Protein backbone atom coordinates (compact mmCIF):
# COMPACT_ATOMS: atom_id res chain seq x y z
CA MET A 1 14.70 32.65 -1.31
CA ASN A 2 15.08 33.92 2.03
CA ALA A 3 18.33 35.82 2.80
CA PRO A 4 20.37 34.42 5.27
CA ALA A 5 19.56 35.39 8.64
CA LYS A 6 22.17 37.26 10.80
CA THR A 7 23.38 34.93 13.50
CA SER A 8 21.90 37.48 16.60
CA ASP A 9 18.53 37.32 14.49
CA THR A 10 18.56 33.54 13.87
CA ALA A 11 19.47 32.99 17.40
CA ALA A 12 16.32 35.06 18.52
CA LEU A 13 14.16 33.42 15.51
CA MET A 14 15.43 29.90 16.76
CA ALA A 15 14.33 30.86 20.88
CA ALA A 16 10.78 32.00 19.94
CA MET A 17 10.34 28.77 17.68
CA GLY A 18 11.12 26.56 20.35
CA ALA A 19 8.86 28.61 23.28
CA ALA A 20 5.95 28.00 20.57
CA ALA A 21 6.81 24.48 19.86
CA ARG A 22 6.54 23.62 23.41
CA GLY A 23 3.01 25.69 23.89
CA ALA A 24 1.91 23.85 20.78
CA ALA A 25 3.36 20.13 22.31
CA ALA A 26 1.01 20.40 25.01
CA ALA A 27 -1.69 21.40 22.94
CA LEU A 28 -0.74 18.06 20.86
CA ALA A 29 -0.71 16.03 23.65
CA ALA A 30 -4.43 17.32 25.11
CA SER A 31 -5.76 16.76 21.89
CA SER A 32 -7.59 13.52 20.67
CA ALA A 33 -6.91 11.06 18.16
CA ASP A 34 -8.91 12.16 15.71
CA GLN A 35 -8.09 15.60 15.79
CA ARG A 36 -4.96 14.47 14.72
CA THR A 37 -6.42 11.76 12.24
CA HIS A 38 -8.37 14.68 10.67
CA ALA A 39 -5.75 16.92 10.21
CA LEU A 40 -3.70 14.61 8.80
CA LYS A 41 -6.45 13.76 6.15
CA LEU A 42 -6.38 17.68 5.17
CA MET A 43 -2.68 17.98 5.09
CA ALA A 44 -2.64 15.05 2.08
CA GLU A 45 -5.61 17.01 0.36
CA ALA A 46 -3.81 19.84 1.15
CA ILE A 47 -0.35 18.82 -0.84
CA ARG A 48 -2.30 17.37 -3.55
CA ALA A 49 -3.70 20.50 -4.54
CA ALA A 50 -0.62 22.47 -3.97
CA ALA A 51 1.29 20.59 -6.32
CA PRO A 52 1.72 22.80 -9.01
CA ASP A 53 3.25 25.59 -6.53
CA ILE A 54 5.43 22.49 -5.18
CA LEU A 55 6.44 21.55 -8.58
CA LYS A 56 7.33 25.12 -9.50
CA ALA A 57 9.32 25.70 -5.74
CA ASN A 58 10.98 21.99 -6.97
CA GLU A 59 12.06 23.45 -10.25
CA ALA A 60 13.91 26.46 -8.80
CA ASP A 61 15.47 24.32 -6.39
CA MET A 62 17.07 22.14 -9.09
CA ALA A 63 17.77 24.99 -11.37
CA ARG A 64 20.41 26.39 -8.22
CA ALA A 65 21.61 22.40 -7.61
CA THR A 66 24.13 22.24 -10.42
CA ASP A 67 27.05 21.06 -8.09
CA LEU A 68 25.42 18.38 -6.52
CA SER A 69 26.14 14.92 -6.88
CA PRO A 70 23.80 12.44 -9.34
CA ALA A 71 22.03 10.92 -6.09
CA MET A 72 21.61 13.67 -4.33
CA ARG A 73 20.22 15.77 -7.15
CA ASP A 74 17.72 12.51 -7.73
CA ARG A 75 16.77 12.99 -4.11
CA LEU A 76 15.95 16.85 -4.56
CA MET A 77 14.10 15.81 -7.74
CA LEU A 78 10.14 15.99 -7.22
CA ASP A 79 7.29 15.25 -9.97
CA ALA A 80 3.96 15.12 -10.30
CA LYS A 81 4.08 11.37 -9.53
CA ARG A 82 6.38 12.23 -6.48
CA VAL A 83 4.39 15.30 -5.03
CA ALA A 84 1.53 12.36 -5.31
CA GLY A 85 3.63 9.75 -3.85
CA ILE A 86 4.00 12.19 -0.82
CA ALA A 87 0.57 13.01 -0.30
CA ASP A 88 -0.26 9.13 -0.15
CA GLY A 89 2.55 8.63 2.55
CA VAL A 90 0.64 11.47 4.55
CA ALA A 91 -2.83 10.25 3.82
CA ALA A 92 -1.24 6.33 4.99
CA ILE A 93 -0.44 7.92 8.37
CA ALA A 94 -3.80 9.48 9.00
CA ALA A 95 -4.79 5.54 8.70
CA ILE A 96 -2.33 4.07 11.04
CA PRO A 97 -3.62 3.25 14.51
CA ASP A 98 -3.05 6.62 16.76
CA PRO A 99 -0.12 5.42 19.36
CA LEU A 100 -0.89 7.51 22.35
CA GLY A 101 -2.64 5.84 25.07
CA ALA A 102 -1.43 2.13 24.00
CA VAL A 103 -1.08 -0.06 26.67
CA VAL A 104 3.17 -1.49 26.71
CA ALA A 105 2.36 -3.71 29.40
CA GLU A 106 0.24 -4.18 32.58
CA TRP A 107 0.15 -5.78 35.90
CA THR A 108 -0.88 -6.35 39.63
CA GLN A 109 1.38 -6.59 42.64
CA PRO A 110 0.69 -8.91 45.82
CA ASN A 111 -0.28 -5.57 47.33
CA GLY A 112 -2.76 -4.93 44.94
CA LEU A 113 -1.25 -2.04 43.37
CA LYS A 114 -2.02 -1.92 39.62
CA PHE A 115 0.35 -0.95 37.11
CA GLN A 116 0.17 0.30 33.54
CA ARG A 117 2.40 1.19 31.01
CA VAL A 118 0.86 3.62 27.93
CA ARG A 119 2.42 5.43 25.37
CA VAL A 120 3.05 9.13 25.10
CA PRO A 121 4.62 11.48 23.06
CA ILE A 122 7.89 12.61 23.26
CA GLY A 123 6.97 16.41 23.51
CA VAL A 124 9.54 18.49 20.84
CA VAL A 125 11.47 16.70 17.99
CA GLY A 126 13.97 18.20 16.30
CA ILE A 127 14.86 17.52 12.65
CA VAL A 128 17.89 18.50 10.73
CA TYR A 129 18.00 17.04 6.81
CA GLU A 130 19.54 17.24 3.62
CA SER A 131 18.22 17.36 -0.14
CA ARG A 132 14.84 15.48 0.24
CA PRO A 133 11.95 17.66 0.67
CA ASN A 134 9.83 15.24 1.13
CA VAL A 135 11.21 14.51 4.75
CA THR A 136 9.37 17.75 5.59
CA ALA A 137 6.25 16.16 4.62
CA ASP A 138 7.18 12.76 6.19
CA ALA A 139 8.46 13.92 9.18
CA GLY A 140 6.01 16.39 10.07
CA ALA A 141 3.10 14.01 9.55
CA LEU A 142 4.95 11.41 11.87
CA CYS A 143 5.33 14.12 14.74
CA LEU A 144 1.71 15.25 14.33
CA ARG A 145 0.52 11.21 14.50
CA SER A 146 2.40 10.73 17.84
CA GLY A 147 1.47 13.88 19.19
CA ASN A 148 4.53 15.43 19.08
CA ALA A 149 5.67 18.85 18.13
CA ALA A 150 8.04 19.23 14.78
CA ILE A 151 11.15 21.82 14.30
CA LEU A 152 11.96 20.75 10.43
CA ARG A 153 15.18 22.22 8.98
CA GLY A 154 15.98 21.11 5.73
CA GLY A 155 18.83 21.52 3.51
CA SER A 156 19.31 24.50 1.94
CA GLU A 157 19.36 23.28 -1.62
CA SER A 158 15.32 21.79 -0.89
CA LEU A 159 14.42 25.19 0.94
CA GLU A 160 12.11 26.20 -1.65
CA SER A 161 10.61 22.57 -2.18
CA SER A 162 9.99 22.13 1.61
CA HIS A 163 8.52 25.99 1.98
CA ALA A 164 5.51 24.95 -0.43
CA LEU A 165 5.45 21.57 1.02
CA HIS A 166 5.19 23.11 4.86
CA GLY A 167 2.78 26.02 3.21
CA ALA A 168 0.22 23.18 2.69
CA MET A 169 0.42 21.26 6.01
CA VAL A 170 0.16 25.08 7.96
CA SER A 171 -2.79 25.36 6.28
CA ALA A 172 -4.06 21.73 7.29
CA LEU A 173 -3.54 22.16 10.86
CA LYS A 174 -5.22 25.68 11.11
CA ALA A 175 -8.37 24.26 9.27
CA ALA A 176 -8.50 21.06 11.80
CA GLY A 177 -8.19 23.60 14.82
CA LEU A 178 -5.02 22.31 15.82
CA PRO A 179 -1.62 25.13 16.67
CA GLU A 180 0.07 25.94 13.45
CA ALA A 181 3.26 25.55 15.74
CA ALA A 182 2.90 21.82 15.61
CA ILE A 183 4.86 21.86 12.57
CA GLN A 184 7.56 24.45 12.20
CA LEU A 185 9.89 24.84 9.52
CA VAL A 186 13.34 26.89 9.56
CA PRO A 187 13.08 29.44 7.28
CA THR A 188 17.14 30.45 6.97
CA SER A 189 19.88 28.96 5.26
CA ASP A 190 22.09 29.86 8.18
CA ARG A 191 24.16 27.32 9.24
CA ALA A 192 23.96 28.71 13.35
CA ALA A 193 20.08 27.63 13.17
CA VAL A 194 21.32 24.14 13.42
CA GLY A 195 23.56 24.92 15.88
CA ALA A 196 20.84 26.70 17.95
CA MET A 197 18.84 23.51 17.67
CA LEU A 198 21.50 21.39 19.23
CA THR A 199 21.80 22.92 22.27
CA GLY A 200 18.24 22.29 22.65
CA LEU A 201 16.88 26.20 22.12
CA ASN A 202 16.82 26.38 26.00
CA GLY A 203 15.18 22.95 27.03
CA ALA A 204 12.12 23.21 24.26
CA ILE A 205 13.68 20.00 22.08
CA ASP A 206 13.85 16.91 23.66
CA VAL A 207 15.52 14.66 21.11
CA MET A 208 17.43 15.35 17.74
CA ILE A 209 17.11 13.16 14.57
CA PRO A 210 19.66 13.65 12.01
CA ARG A 211 18.91 12.24 8.21
CA GLY A 212 22.07 13.03 5.73
CA GLY A 213 24.98 12.37 4.83
CA LYS A 214 27.96 11.25 7.67
CA SER A 215 29.28 14.49 8.28
CA LEU A 216 25.66 15.76 9.27
CA VAL A 217 25.18 12.86 11.44
CA ALA A 218 28.89 13.44 12.82
CA ARG A 219 28.14 16.91 13.50
CA VAL A 220 24.87 16.54 15.26
CA GLN A 221 26.43 13.53 17.16
CA ALA A 222 29.50 15.64 18.52
CA GLU A 223 27.42 18.96 19.71
CA ALA A 224 23.85 17.84 20.54
CA ARG A 225 23.32 18.97 24.20
CA VAL A 226 20.02 16.53 23.96
CA PRO A 227 19.84 12.82 23.14
CA VAL A 228 19.82 12.22 19.50
CA LEU A 229 18.25 9.32 17.05
CA SER A 230 20.52 8.65 14.53
CA HIS A 231 20.32 7.60 11.22
CA LEU A 232 23.33 6.40 9.71
CA GLU A 233 24.79 5.63 6.29
CA GLY A 234 23.60 2.23 4.64
CA LEU A 235 26.53 0.50 4.26
CA ASN A 236 24.53 -2.68 3.28
CA THR A 237 25.16 -5.98 1.85
CA THR A 238 23.67 -8.99 0.03
CA TYR A 239 24.85 -12.15 0.79
CA VAL A 240 24.07 -14.70 -2.30
CA HIS A 241 24.77 -18.47 -0.16
CA ALA A 242 25.52 -21.80 -2.30
CA LYS A 243 21.85 -22.83 -2.05
CA ALA A 244 20.22 -19.41 -3.17
CA ASP A 245 17.47 -20.15 -5.38
CA PRO A 246 18.99 -18.68 -9.17
CA ALA A 247 16.34 -17.12 -10.29
CA LYS A 248 15.23 -15.06 -7.21
CA ALA A 249 19.28 -14.53 -6.38
CA ARG A 250 19.47 -12.66 -9.88
CA ALA A 251 16.14 -10.55 -9.62
CA ILE A 252 16.70 -9.70 -6.15
CA VAL A 253 20.30 -8.74 -6.42
CA LEU A 254 19.72 -6.46 -9.31
CA ASN A 255 16.37 -5.00 -7.24
CA ALA A 256 18.75 -4.36 -4.08
CA LYS A 257 21.15 -2.24 -6.23
CA LEU A 258 19.52 -0.69 -8.85
CA ARG A 259 16.00 0.11 -7.96
CA ARG A 260 17.16 3.17 -6.73
CA THR A 261 20.57 3.76 -6.59
CA GLY A 262 20.66 6.84 -4.12
CA VAL A 263 18.24 5.92 -1.44
CA CYS A 264 19.99 4.45 2.45
CA GLY A 265 18.34 0.87 1.33
CA ALA A 266 20.15 0.46 -1.68
CA THR A 267 22.88 -3.12 -1.93
CA GLU A 268 26.44 -1.64 -2.27
CA THR A 269 28.12 -4.72 -1.64
CA VAL A 270 27.55 -8.23 -2.96
CA LEU A 271 29.06 -11.76 -1.43
CA ILE A 272 28.86 -14.73 -3.23
CA ASP A 273 29.41 -18.24 -1.65
CA ARG A 274 32.31 -19.20 -3.64
CA ALA A 275 30.99 -22.86 -4.59
CA VAL A 276 28.91 -21.01 -6.85
CA LEU A 277 30.89 -18.32 -8.32
CA GLY A 278 31.54 -19.87 -11.80
CA ALA A 279 27.55 -20.05 -12.48
CA LEU A 280 25.26 -18.10 -10.22
CA GLY A 281 28.00 -15.32 -9.70
CA HIS A 282 28.97 -15.49 -13.36
CA ASP A 283 25.39 -14.98 -14.31
CA ILE A 284 24.68 -12.14 -11.14
CA VAL A 285 27.96 -9.95 -12.17
CA THR A 286 26.73 -10.26 -16.19
CA ASP A 287 23.15 -8.62 -15.00
CA LEU A 288 24.55 -6.02 -13.22
CA LEU A 289 26.96 -4.80 -16.02
CA ALA A 290 24.44 -5.40 -18.47
CA ALA A 291 22.06 -3.08 -16.27
CA GLY A 292 24.83 -0.25 -16.23
CA CYS A 293 26.19 -1.25 -13.03
CA ALA A 294 29.98 -1.02 -12.33
CA VAL A 295 31.14 -3.49 -10.87
CA ARG A 296 34.44 -3.64 -8.50
CA GLY A 297 35.75 -7.11 -7.57
CA ASP A 298 37.59 -9.29 -5.66
CA ALA A 299 40.76 -11.53 -8.02
CA SER A 300 38.15 -14.17 -7.67
CA VAL A 301 35.35 -11.81 -9.40
CA GLN A 302 37.53 -9.81 -11.61
CA ALA A 303 38.02 -13.35 -13.13
CA LEU A 304 34.34 -13.83 -13.93
CA ASP A 305 34.35 -10.49 -16.14
CA PRO A 306 37.16 -8.52 -18.27
CA ARG A 307 34.73 -5.40 -17.16
CA VAL A 308 34.93 -5.93 -13.87
CA SER A 309 37.44 -3.71 -12.35
CA ALA A 310 39.87 -4.09 -8.86
CA ALA A 311 38.22 -3.70 -5.51
CA SER A 312 40.34 -1.49 -3.08
CA ASP A 313 39.80 -1.95 0.82
CA GLU A 314 38.12 1.48 0.40
CA ASP A 315 35.21 0.01 -1.62
CA TRP A 316 34.60 -2.57 1.23
CA ARG A 317 33.53 0.53 3.35
CA THR A 318 32.12 2.84 0.58
CA GLU A 319 28.66 4.01 0.54
CA TYR A 320 28.50 4.72 -3.24
CA LEU A 321 24.64 5.90 -3.87
CA ASP A 322 25.12 5.01 -7.65
CA ALA A 323 25.36 2.49 -10.12
CA ILE A 324 28.69 1.26 -8.60
CA VAL A 325 28.67 -2.18 -6.92
CA ALA A 326 31.39 -4.21 -4.92
CA VAL A 327 31.25 -8.03 -5.42
CA LYS A 328 33.85 -10.64 -2.98
CA ALA A 329 34.04 -13.86 -3.10
CA VAL A 330 33.39 -15.94 0.34
CA ASP A 331 33.74 -19.07 1.69
CA GLY A 332 30.15 -19.45 3.46
CA PRO A 333 28.24 -17.98 5.99
CA ASP A 334 31.36 -17.58 8.55
CA GLU A 335 33.29 -15.25 6.33
CA ALA A 336 29.88 -13.47 5.19
CA VAL A 337 28.95 -13.06 8.63
CA ALA A 338 32.92 -11.32 9.51
CA HIS A 339 32.85 -9.14 6.57
CA ILE A 340 29.50 -7.98 7.45
CA ALA A 341 30.40 -7.16 10.99
CA ALA A 342 33.86 -5.96 9.48
CA HIS A 343 32.35 -3.25 7.11
CA GLY A 344 28.61 -2.92 7.38
CA THR A 345 27.02 0.27 9.14
CA GLN A 346 24.63 -2.07 10.62
CA HIS A 347 21.93 -0.63 8.76
CA THR A 348 20.44 -3.56 6.33
CA ASP A 349 21.87 -6.52 5.35
CA ALA A 350 20.25 -9.82 3.60
CA ILE A 351 20.96 -13.48 3.07
CA LEU A 352 19.82 -15.39 -0.55
CA THR A 353 19.11 -18.82 -0.10
CA GLU A 354 17.01 -21.95 0.23
CA ASP A 355 17.89 -23.74 3.06
CA ALA A 356 16.21 -22.35 6.53
CA GLY A 357 18.70 -23.43 8.74
CA VAL A 358 21.40 -21.50 7.04
CA ALA A 359 18.95 -17.78 6.57
CA GLU A 360 18.02 -18.20 10.92
CA ASP A 361 21.49 -18.60 11.64
CA PHE A 362 22.14 -15.54 9.58
CA LEU A 363 19.20 -13.74 10.96
CA SER A 364 20.22 -14.15 14.63
CA ARG A 365 23.76 -13.26 14.03
CA VAL A 366 24.06 -10.23 11.88
CA ASP A 367 24.12 -7.23 14.47
CA SER A 368 21.99 -4.71 12.24
CA ALA A 369 18.78 -3.17 12.55
CA ILE A 370 17.38 -4.81 9.53
CA VAL A 371 18.48 -8.79 8.60
CA LEU A 372 16.34 -10.06 5.43
CA TRP A 373 15.92 -13.19 4.01
CA ASN A 374 15.30 -13.79 0.16
CA ALA A 375 14.04 -10.32 -0.17
CA SER A 376 15.67 -7.11 -1.47
CA THR A 377 17.41 -4.50 0.64
CA GLN A 378 15.69 -1.87 -0.53
CA PHE A 379 12.80 -2.98 1.42
CA ALA A 380 14.17 -1.05 4.43
CA ASP A 381 11.84 1.84 4.17
CA GLY A 382 9.05 2.88 6.66
CA GLY A 383 6.11 2.71 3.96
CA GLU A 384 6.84 -1.18 3.39
CA PHE A 385 6.56 -2.01 6.65
CA GLY A 386 3.65 -0.73 7.47
CA PHE A 387 4.47 2.89 8.87
CA GLY A 388 3.12 4.98 6.40
CA ALA A 389 6.18 6.45 6.19
CA GLU A 390 9.26 7.19 8.23
CA ILE A 391 11.68 9.41 9.49
CA GLY A 392 14.64 7.46 8.96
CA ILE A 393 16.55 4.05 9.58
CA ALA A 394 17.89 4.18 13.29
CA THR A 395 20.94 2.48 13.81
CA GLY A 396 21.61 2.74 17.61
CA LYS A 397 20.89 0.44 19.72
CA LEU A 398 18.52 2.54 22.40
CA HIS A 399 15.07 3.55 21.96
CA ALA A 400 14.36 2.80 18.42
CA ARG A 401 16.34 0.88 15.66
CA GLY A 402 15.13 0.44 12.17
CA PRO A 403 12.52 2.35 10.71
CA VAL A 404 11.65 5.03 12.71
CA GLY A 405 7.58 5.66 12.24
CA ALA A 406 5.10 6.81 14.74
CA ALA A 407 5.15 4.36 17.59
CA GLU A 408 9.18 5.33 17.54
CA LEU A 409 8.22 8.64 18.30
CA THR A 410 6.61 8.02 21.84
CA THR A 411 7.48 7.29 24.91
CA TYR A 412 5.89 5.95 28.00
CA LYS A 413 5.09 6.53 31.16
CA THR A 414 3.76 4.37 34.09
CA LYS A 415 0.24 4.96 35.60
CA VAL A 416 -0.48 3.56 39.02
CA ARG A 417 -3.48 3.07 40.68
CA GLY A 418 -3.94 1.93 44.11
CA SER A 419 -6.41 1.42 46.93
CA GLY A 420 -4.65 3.17 50.36
CA GLN A 421 -1.79 1.17 50.09
CA THR A 422 1.62 2.44 51.96
CA ARG A 423 5.08 0.96 51.74
CA PRO A 424 6.18 -0.62 54.77
């Protein structure tokens, strides 16, 4: 692993990376869709070929990561299947339509002026993330697909894995005739590198995207001198309505909570209509307990099974990222929607019901980036949306919301074509 650089060296390093990224962004904006597609296909192949080196690097990261939580270690860990999945994700990004040049809207004014709004790259995207080495590939590939240069700063715990992935990606850029600086990985664990990125690197960075825990996102939001596209914690709720199909509800709740507990789309709170608490609610709680999930509930839920512990006020505001879930009885959709508004993070929430009217009302009233009906919250994933991959789930309300894929990493310009018009 690289030794931490001195702060003065880090400042010079980051300034040079910013300048190189700005030059690469200009080259990418002028590149063809076919050239970027070819680079992405080569990138997927390079990652597959480099799998032994990537896994070896990950073993070194895992050996050092003894103080991480189980959820963080799960995010960090790579095996042959996950590396293959990373490569498949890059290949999927290569296969999605290129967003650049797409016409968002067009119209003609009475004076004959023709307006056309088209997608263009943002420019240089700075991305700061923790633990997950797959973000190195996902973020780099999505930025390339959308014609943006990327400066990536992964967590120190994943430095070796990210370097191995980045090396494969750079080899593909070079083979495709694109600038190697199109995807740069900060080579130092010096925290001053993040601070330098947040200043914008002398105007080089156009937007910052943090992907990680609450403290990382809070720091980026507080210190950034450039726009921030935030990915907040996933305090997600699944609401079991009185008219839920029992078999669907039991299967979906188990999947939403336990498929992978350490992902941001995992359900952390289950709300169950009091009308079905004694029957369907009992079965759901029993299923969770039998699967090894700790259940914390209100008094009504505790009465269902002696193994349920008492939920505190803090439990309704906790993203566990573990095999723990908070369960509460509610008196219908209004109370469920109010609970989500008071305690959720506007990330992903679901309703389970066979009543279409209640479902549509829930979909309309819950103010979250992703709202589902009769489906697991674990579908909060760019790949499942057909985006190939994602940089994160944006929970803000400006520019992009939900999974941030290639199209969400573009802005637009308006082209106006005239025939000699002057303004009176």
